Amino acid sequence: MGNQNTSSKFTEDFKKMVVDLYSSGKKVKVLSSEYGISEVTIYKWIKRYSPMDLEDGTSVTSDDFAKLQKQMRRLQEENEILKKAMAIFARK
């Protein structure tokens, strides 16, 4: 439950700013005391908003990756539905 309060307290931009500060060399302990955020929360934000490098040279955050996976599953379900519909119409 505490996580939900934390996520509603801070905007996405603020979270990304804290992650950027971490990426630029600030220590989590310093960020925690400076902004009054628990270290665990900052580490969660780092995991969520830090970009991962892909094979093609682009990068994506784990949050973006999760959204892409969700979209891919939805599209796969839609394709299965369409395949079944095509089979039904082909019989008629």
N, C-alpha and C. Protein backbone atom coordinates (compact mmCIF):
# COMPACT_ATOMS: atom_id res chain seq x y z
N MET A 1 0.79 -1.19 0.00
CA MET A 1 0.00 0.00 0.00
C MET A 1 0.84 1.26 0.00
N GLY A 2 1.97 1.23 0.66
CA GLY A 2 2.85 2.38 0.69
C GLY A 2 3.34 2.75 -0.68
N ASN A 3 3.51 1.77 -1.54
CA ASN A 3 3.98 2.03 -2.89
C ASN A 3 2.98 2.85 -3.68
N GLN A 4 1.68 2.60 -3.47
CA GLN A 4 0.66 3.37 -4.17
C GLN A 4 0.68 4.82 -3.73
N ASN A 5 0.89 5.07 -2.45
CA ASN A 5 0.98 6.45 -1.96
C ASN A 5 2.17 7.16 -2.57
N THR A 6 3.29 6.47 -2.66
CA THR A 6 4.50 7.04 -3.22
C THR A 6 4.29 7.39 -4.68
N SER A 7 3.66 6.48 -5.43
CA SER A 7 3.49 6.73 -6.86
C SER A 7 2.53 7.88 -7.12
N SER A 8 1.56 8.11 -6.23
CA SER A 8 0.64 9.21 -6.44
C SER A 8 1.22 10.53 -5.95
N LYS A 9 2.21 10.48 -5.08
CA LYS A 9 2.84 11.68 -4.55
C LYS A 9 3.71 12.38 -5.58
N PHE A 10 4.41 11.60 -6.39
CA PHE A 10 5.41 12.15 -7.28
C PHE A 10 5.01 11.96 -8.74
N THR A 11 5.26 12.97 -9.54
CA THR A 11 4.94 12.91 -10.96
C THR A 11 5.98 12.06 -11.69
N GLU A 12 5.62 11.63 -12.89
CA GLU A 12 6.56 10.85 -13.72
C GLU A 12 7.82 11.68 -14.00
N ASP A 13 7.63 12.96 -14.27
CA ASP A 13 8.78 13.83 -14.56
C ASP A 13 9.72 13.92 -13.37
N PHE A 14 9.16 14.01 -12.17
CA PHE A 14 10.00 14.06 -10.97
C PHE A 14 10.79 12.77 -10.81
N LYS A 15 10.12 11.65 -11.00
CA LYS A 15 10.79 10.35 -10.88
C LYS A 15 11.93 10.24 -11.89
N LYS A 16 11.66 10.65 -13.11
CA LYS A 16 12.70 10.59 -14.16
C LYS A 16 13.85 11.54 -13.83
N MET A 17 13.55 12.69 -13.23
CA MET A 17 14.59 13.63 -12.85
C MET A 17 15.51 13.01 -11.80
N VAL A 18 14.92 12.32 -10.82
CA VAL A 18 15.72 11.67 -9.78
C VAL A 18 16.60 10.59 -10.40
N VAL A 19 16.05 9.83 -11.34
CA VAL A 19 16.83 8.80 -12.02
C VAL A 19 17.96 9.44 -12.84
N ASP A 20 17.68 10.56 -13.49
CA ASP A 20 18.72 11.27 -14.25
C ASP A 20 19.83 11.75 -13.33
N LEU A 21 19.45 12.26 -12.16
CA LEU A 21 20.47 12.70 -11.19
C LEU A 21 21.33 11.52 -10.75
N TYR A 22 20.70 10.37 -10.54
CA TYR A 22 21.45 9.16 -10.19
C TYR A 22 22.40 8.79 -11.32
N SER A 23 21.90 8.85 -12.55
CA SER A 23 22.72 8.48 -13.71
C SER A 23 23.90 9.44 -13.90
N SER A 24 23.71 10.68 -13.45
CA SER A 24 24.79 11.66 -13.60
C SER A 24 25.83 11.56 -12.48
N GLY A 25 25.61 10.63 -11.54
CA GLY A 25 26.64 10.39 -10.54
C GLY A 25 26.24 10.61 -9.09
N LYS A 26 25.06 11.14 -8.84
CA LYS A 26 24.64 11.34 -7.45
C LYS A 26 24.34 9.99 -6.81
N LYS A 27 24.70 9.85 -5.56
CA LYS A 27 24.47 8.61 -4.84
C LYS A 27 23.01 8.54 -4.36
N VAL A 28 22.48 7.31 -4.29
CA VAL A 28 21.11 7.10 -3.86
C VAL A 28 20.88 7.63 -2.46
N LYS A 29 21.85 7.43 -1.59
CA LYS A 29 21.74 7.90 -0.20
C LYS A 29 21.56 9.42 -0.16
N VAL A 30 22.32 10.13 -1.00
CA VAL A 30 22.23 11.60 -1.05
C VAL A 30 20.86 12.02 -1.60
N LEU A 31 20.42 11.37 -2.68
CA LEU A 31 19.11 11.69 -3.26
C LEU A 31 17.99 11.42 -2.26
N SER A 32 18.12 10.33 -1.51
CA SER A 32 17.12 9.95 -0.52
C SER A 32 16.98 11.02 0.55
N SER A 33 18.09 11.47 1.08
CA SER A 33 18.02 12.48 2.14
C SER A 33 17.65 13.85 1.59
N GLU A 34 18.09 14.16 0.38
CA GLU A 34 17.81 15.46 -0.22
C GLU A 34 16.33 15.64 -0.55
N TYR A 35 15.69 14.59 -1.07
CA TYR A 35 14.30 14.69 -1.51
C TYR A 35 13.30 14.01 -0.59
N GLY A 36 13.79 13.36 0.48
CA GLY A 36 12.88 12.72 1.43
C GLY A 36 12.18 11.49 0.86
N ILE A 37 12.90 10.73 0.04
CA ILE A 37 12.36 9.53 -0.60
C ILE A 37 13.17 8.35 -0.09
N SER A 38 12.51 7.23 0.15
CA SER A 38 13.26 6.07 0.63
C SER A 38 14.20 5.56 -0.47
N GLU A 39 15.29 4.98 -0.05
CA GLU A 39 16.26 4.43 -1.00
C GLU A 39 15.64 3.32 -1.84
N VAL A 40 14.79 2.51 -1.22
CA VAL A 40 14.12 1.42 -1.94
C VAL A 40 13.29 1.98 -3.10
N THR A 41 12.57 3.07 -2.82
CA THR A 41 11.75 3.70 -3.85
C THR A 41 12.61 4.21 -4.99
N ILE A 42 13.73 4.84 -4.66
CA ILE A 42 14.63 5.36 -5.70
C ILE A 42 15.17 4.21 -6.54
N TYR A 43 15.54 3.10 -5.91
CA TYR A 43 16.03 1.95 -6.68
C TYR A 43 14.95 1.39 -7.61
N LYS A 44 13.69 1.41 -7.14
CA LYS A 44 12.59 0.97 -8.01
C LYS A 44 12.46 1.88 -9.22
N TRP A 45 12.57 3.19 -8.97
CA TRP A 45 12.49 4.14 -10.08
C TRP A 45 13.65 3.95 -11.05
N ILE A 46 14.84 3.69 -10.52
CA ILE A 46 16.00 3.48 -11.37
C ILE A 46 15.76 2.27 -12.26
N LYS A 47 15.25 1.21 -11.68
CA LYS A 47 14.97 0.00 -12.45
C LYS A 47 13.92 0.27 -13.52
N ARG A 48 12.92 1.07 -13.16
CA ARG A 48 11.80 1.33 -14.07
C ARG A 48 12.17 2.30 -15.20
N TYR A 49 12.94 3.33 -14.90
CA TYR A 49 13.17 4.40 -15.87
C TYR A 49 14.55 4.41 -16.52
N SER A 50 15.46 3.56 -16.08
CA SER A 50 16.77 3.53 -16.72
C SER A 50 16.68 2.80 -18.05
N PRO A 51 17.24 3.38 -19.09
CA PRO A 51 17.14 2.75 -20.41
C PRO A 51 17.99 1.49 -20.53
N MET A 52 17.46 0.52 -21.30
CA MET A 52 18.21 -0.69 -21.63
C MET A 52 18.62 -0.56 -23.10
N ASP A 53 19.85 -0.90 -23.40
CA ASP A 53 20.30 -0.86 -24.78
C ASP A 53 19.86 -2.12 -25.50
N LEU A 54 19.34 -1.94 -26.71
CA LEU A 54 18.89 -3.06 -27.53
C LEU A 54 19.95 -3.39 -28.58
N GLU A 55 19.78 -4.54 -29.22
CA GLU A 55 20.75 -4.99 -30.22
C GLU A 55 20.88 -4.04 -31.40
N ASP A 56 19.79 -3.37 -31.75
CA ASP A 56 19.82 -2.49 -32.92
C ASP A 56 20.36 -1.10 -32.59
N GLY A 57 20.87 -0.90 -31.38
CA GLY A 57 21.46 0.37 -31.01
C GLY A 57 20.50 1.34 -30.34
N THR A 58 19.22 1.03 -30.32
CA THR A 58 18.26 1.88 -29.64
C THR A 58 18.19 1.50 -28.17
N SER A 59 17.47 2.29 -27.41
CA SER A 59 17.30 1.96 -26.00
C SER A 59 15.83 2.12 -25.62
N VAL A 60 15.44 1.40 -24.58
CA VAL A 60 14.06 1.42 -24.10
C VAL A 60 14.09 1.22 -22.59
N THR A 61 13.15 1.87 -21.88
CA THR A 61 13.07 1.66 -20.43
C THR A 61 12.28 0.39 -20.15
N SER A 62 12.41 -0.14 -18.97
CA SER A 62 11.67 -1.36 -18.64
C SER A 62 10.17 -1.08 -18.62
N ASP A 63 9.79 0.15 -18.31
CA ASP A 63 8.38 0.53 -18.34
C ASP A 63 7.85 0.49 -19.77
N ASP A 64 8.63 1.05 -20.71
CA ASP A 64 8.25 1.01 -22.13
C ASP A 64 8.21 -0.43 -22.63
N PHE A 65 9.17 -1.24 -22.19
CA PHE A 65 9.23 -2.63 -22.60
C PHE A 65 7.98 -3.38 -22.14
N ALA A 66 7.55 -3.12 -20.92
CA ALA A 66 6.34 -3.77 -20.39
C ALA A 66 5.11 -3.35 -21.20
N LYS A 67 5.04 -2.07 -21.56
CA LYS A 67 3.93 -1.60 -22.39
C LYS A 67 3.94 -2.28 -23.75
N LEU A 68 5.13 -2.42 -24.34
CA LEU A 68 5.24 -3.08 -25.64
C LEU A 68 4.83 -4.55 -25.55
N GLN A 69 5.22 -5.22 -24.48
CA GLN A 69 4.83 -6.61 -24.30
C GLN A 69 3.32 -6.74 -24.17
N LYS A 70 2.70 -5.84 -23.44
CA LYS A 70 1.24 -5.86 -23.26
C LYS A 70 0.55 -5.64 -24.61
N GLN A 71 1.07 -4.70 -25.39
CA GLN A 71 0.50 -4.43 -26.71
C GLN A 71 0.67 -5.65 -27.62
N MET A 72 1.83 -6.30 -27.55
CA MET A 72 2.08 -7.47 -28.38
C MET A 72 1.12 -8.60 -28.02
N ARG A 73 0.87 -8.84 -26.73
CA ARG A 73 -0.07 -9.88 -26.32
C ARG A 73 -1.48 -9.58 -26.83
N ARG A 74 -1.88 -8.31 -26.75
CA ARG A 74 -3.20 -7.92 -27.23
C ARG A 74 -3.31 -8.15 -28.73
N LEU A 75 -2.28 -7.80 -29.49
CA LEU A 75 -2.29 -8.02 -30.93
C LEU A 75 -2.30 -9.51 -31.28
N GLN A 76 -1.58 -10.31 -30.51
CA GLN A 76 -1.59 -11.75 -30.74
C GLN A 76 -2.99 -12.32 -30.50
N GLU A 77 -3.66 -11.86 -29.46
CA GLU A 77 -5.03 -12.31 -29.19
C GLU A 77 -5.96 -11.91 -30.32
N GLU A 78 -5.81 -10.68 -30.81
CA GLU A 78 -6.64 -10.22 -31.92
C GLU A 78 -6.39 -11.07 -33.17
N ASN A 79 -5.14 -11.42 -33.42
CA ASN A 79 -4.81 -12.27 -34.58
C ASN A 79 -5.46 -13.65 -34.45
N GLU A 80 -5.44 -14.22 -33.25
CA GLU A 80 -6.07 -15.53 -33.04
C GLU A 80 -7.57 -15.45 -33.28
N ILE A 81 -8.19 -14.37 -32.80
CA ILE A 81 -9.63 -14.19 -33.03
C ILE A 81 -9.92 -14.09 -34.52
N LEU A 82 -9.11 -13.32 -35.23
CA LEU A 82 -9.31 -13.17 -36.68
C LEU A 82 -9.11 -14.49 -37.42
N LYS A 83 -8.12 -15.28 -37.00
CA LYS A 83 -7.89 -16.59 -37.63
C LYS A 83 -9.11 -17.49 -37.44
N LYS A 84 -9.68 -17.49 -36.23
CA LYS A 84 -10.85 -18.31 -35.97
C LYS A 84 -12.05 -17.83 -36.79
N ALA A 85 -12.19 -16.52 -36.91
CA ALA A 85 -13.29 -15.95 -37.70
C ALA A 85 -13.12 -16.33 -39.18
N MET A 86 -11.90 -16.27 -39.67
CA MET A 86 -11.63 -16.64 -41.07
C MET A 86 -11.98 -18.11 -41.30
N ALA A 87 -11.67 -18.97 -40.36
CA ALA A 87 -11.98 -20.40 -40.48
C ALA A 87 -13.49 -20.60 -40.52
N ILE A 88 -14.22 -19.86 -39.71
CA ILE A 88 -15.69 -19.97 -39.69
C ILE A 88 -16.27 -19.51 -41.03
N PHE A 89 -15.81 -18.39 -41.54
CA PHE A 89 -16.34 -17.85 -42.79
C PHE A 89 -15.91 -18.70 -43.99
N ALA A 90 -14.77 -19.35 -43.90
CA ALA A 90 -14.30 -20.19 -45.01
C ALA A 90 -15.17 -21.43 -45.15
N ARG A 91 -15.77 -21.90 -44.05
CA ARG A 91 -16.64 -23.08 -44.11
C ARG A 91 -17.97 -22.78 -44.77
N LYS A 92 -18.40 -21.53 -44.73
CA LYS A 92 -19.73 -21.18 -45.27
C LYS A 92 -19.73 -21.02 -46.75
